[in-house]
Amino acid sequence: MAKLHSEPGTWESFLEKFMDGEAYGFWHQHVQEWWELSCTHPVLYPFYEDMKE
């Protein structure tokens, strides 16, 4: 399920930890950090709509 965790447990417990930000951190924080970095560094930030074009 997630090899970086030694024992991820059941899907339900993993999902609960993921939703609480305990498994990988919060998604919006991750995106915000990369978005801010893209102002000063050449970060490719593809959007779904752009990839479809």
N, C-alpha and C. Protein backbone atom coordinates (compact mmCIF):
# COMPACT_ATOMS: atom_id res chain seq x y z
N MET A 1 0.83 -1.18 0.00
CA MET A 1 0.00 0.00 0.00
C MET A 1 0.88 1.25 0.00
N ALA A 2 1.79 1.36 0.93
CA ALA A 2 2.72 2.48 0.97
C ALA A 2 4.03 1.96 1.52
N LYS A 3 4.96 1.67 0.65
CA LYS A 3 6.19 1.01 1.06
C LYS A 3 7.08 1.88 1.94
N LEU A 4 6.87 3.22 1.94
CA LEU A 4 7.71 4.04 2.81
C LEU A 4 7.32 3.91 4.26
N HIS A 5 6.15 3.37 4.55
CA HIS A 5 5.73 3.09 5.92
C HIS A 5 6.06 1.63 6.23
N SER A 6 6.65 1.40 7.37
CA SER A 6 7.01 0.01 7.70
C SER A 6 5.76 -0.86 7.83
N GLU A 7 4.74 -0.38 8.48
CA GLU A 7 3.49 -1.14 8.64
C GLU A 7 2.33 -0.16 8.52
N PRO A 8 1.78 0.00 7.31
CA PRO A 8 0.72 0.99 7.12
C PRO A 8 -0.59 0.61 7.79
N GLY A 9 -0.78 -0.64 8.15
CA GLY A 9 -2.03 -1.06 8.78
C GLY A 9 -3.13 -1.27 7.77
N THR A 10 -4.35 -1.17 8.23
CA THR A 10 -5.49 -1.38 7.32
C THR A 10 -5.69 -0.15 6.44
N TRP A 11 -6.42 -0.35 5.36
CA TRP A 11 -6.72 0.76 4.47
C TRP A 11 -7.47 1.86 5.21
N GLU A 12 -8.41 1.48 6.06
CA GLU A 12 -9.20 2.46 6.81
C GLU A 12 -8.32 3.31 7.72
N SER A 13 -7.39 2.67 8.44
CA SER A 13 -6.53 3.44 9.34
C SER A 13 -5.56 4.32 8.55
N PHE A 14 -5.05 3.80 7.43
CA PHE A 14 -4.16 4.59 6.59
C PHE A 14 -4.90 5.80 6.02
N LEU A 15 -6.12 5.60 5.54
CA LEU A 15 -6.90 6.69 4.97
C LEU A 15 -7.20 7.76 6.02
N GLU A 16 -7.49 7.34 7.22
CA GLU A 16 -7.75 8.29 8.30
C GLU A 16 -6.50 9.12 8.60
N LYS A 17 -5.34 8.47 8.67
CA LYS A 17 -4.08 9.19 8.90
C LYS A 17 -3.78 10.13 7.74
N PHE A 18 -4.04 9.68 6.52
CA PHE A 18 -3.80 10.50 5.34
C PHE A 18 -4.67 11.75 5.36
N MET A 19 -5.95 11.59 5.68
CA MET A 19 -6.87 12.72 5.72
C MET A 19 -6.52 13.70 6.84
N ASP A 20 -5.93 13.21 7.92
CA ASP A 20 -5.51 14.07 9.03
C ASP A 20 -4.15 14.72 8.79
N GLY A 21 -3.51 14.36 7.68
CA GLY A 21 -2.19 14.93 7.37
C GLY A 21 -1.05 14.23 8.05
N GLU A 22 -1.31 13.09 8.65
CA GLU A 22 -0.27 12.36 9.38
C GLU A 22 0.55 11.45 8.47
N ALA A 23 -0.01 11.01 7.36
CA ALA A 23 0.69 10.05 6.51
C ALA A 23 1.72 10.74 5.62
N TYR A 24 1.35 11.79 4.94
CA TYR A 24 2.25 12.48 4.03
C TYR A 24 2.28 13.98 4.25
N GLY A 25 1.47 14.52 5.11
CA GLY A 25 1.33 15.96 5.27
C GLY A 25 0.09 16.43 4.53
N PHE A 26 -0.21 17.70 4.65
CA PHE A 26 -1.41 18.23 4.02
C PHE A 26 -1.13 18.59 2.56
N TRP A 27 -2.05 18.21 1.69
CA TRP A 27 -1.90 18.43 0.26
C TRP A 27 -1.79 19.91 -0.06
N HIS A 28 -2.69 20.72 0.50
CA HIS A 28 -2.69 22.15 0.18
C HIS A 28 -1.40 22.83 0.62
N GLN A 29 -0.80 22.39 1.72
CA GLN A 29 0.47 22.96 2.16
C GLN A 29 1.57 22.59 1.17
N HIS A 30 1.57 21.35 0.72
CA HIS A 30 2.55 20.88 -0.26
C HIS A 30 2.47 21.71 -1.54
N VAL A 31 1.25 21.90 -2.03
CA VAL A 31 1.06 22.66 -3.27
C VAL A 31 1.45 24.12 -3.08
N GLN A 32 1.07 24.71 -1.96
CA GLN A 32 1.40 26.11 -1.70
C GLN A 32 2.91 26.32 -1.67
N GLU A 33 3.64 25.41 -1.04
CA GLU A 33 5.10 25.55 -0.97
C GLU A 33 5.73 25.52 -2.35
N TRP A 34 5.27 24.61 -3.21
CA TRP A 34 5.82 24.54 -4.56
C TRP A 34 5.38 25.73 -5.39
N TRP A 35 4.16 26.21 -5.19
CA TRP A 35 3.67 27.38 -5.93
C TRP A 35 4.53 28.61 -5.60
N GLU A 36 4.83 28.80 -4.32
CA GLU A 36 5.68 29.92 -3.91
C GLU A 36 7.09 29.78 -4.46
N LEU A 37 7.60 28.56 -4.50
CA LEU A 37 8.93 28.32 -5.03
C LEU A 37 8.99 28.61 -6.53
N SER A 38 7.88 28.42 -7.23
CA SER A 38 7.87 28.63 -8.68
C SER A 38 8.04 30.10 -9.05
N CYS A 39 7.89 31.02 -8.09
CA CYS A 39 8.10 32.44 -8.36
C CYS A 39 9.58 32.78 -8.49
N THR A 40 10.44 32.00 -7.85
CA THR A 40 11.87 32.28 -7.87
C THR A 40 12.71 31.19 -8.54
N HIS A 41 12.11 30.05 -8.81
CA HIS A 41 12.84 28.94 -9.43
C HIS A 41 12.02 28.42 -10.63
N PRO A 42 12.70 27.85 -11.61
CA PRO A 42 11.98 27.33 -12.79
C PRO A 42 11.30 25.98 -12.49
N VAL A 43 10.17 26.04 -11.83
CA VAL A 43 9.41 24.84 -11.49
C VAL A 43 8.29 24.67 -12.53
N LEU A 44 8.23 23.51 -13.14
CA LEU A 44 7.15 23.21 -14.06
C LEU A 44 5.92 22.83 -13.25
N TYR A 45 4.86 23.59 -13.41
CA TYR A 45 3.64 23.38 -12.65
C TYR A 45 2.52 23.08 -13.64
N PRO A 46 2.41 21.83 -14.11
CA PRO A 46 1.40 21.52 -15.12
C PRO A 46 -0.01 21.45 -14.54
N PHE A 47 -0.94 22.02 -15.26
CA PHE A 47 -2.34 21.94 -14.89
C PHE A 47 -3.01 20.90 -15.78
N TYR A 48 -4.01 20.27 -15.28
CA TYR A 48 -4.72 19.21 -16.01
C TYR A 48 -5.21 19.74 -17.35
N GLU A 49 -5.81 20.93 -17.34
CA GLU A 49 -6.37 21.50 -18.55
C GLU A 49 -5.28 21.75 -19.61
N ASP A 50 -4.11 22.20 -19.17
CA ASP A 50 -3.01 22.43 -20.09
C ASP A 50 -2.52 21.13 -20.70
N MET A 51 -2.47 20.07 -19.92
CA MET A 51 -2.01 18.79 -20.43
C MET A 51 -3.00 18.21 -21.45
N LYS A 52 -4.29 18.46 -21.24
CA LYS A 52 -5.28 17.99 -22.19
C LYS A 52 -5.15 18.66 -23.53
N GLU A 53 -4.73 19.94 -23.55
CA GLU A 53 -4.54 20.65 -24.81
C GLU A 53 -3.36 20.07 -25.56
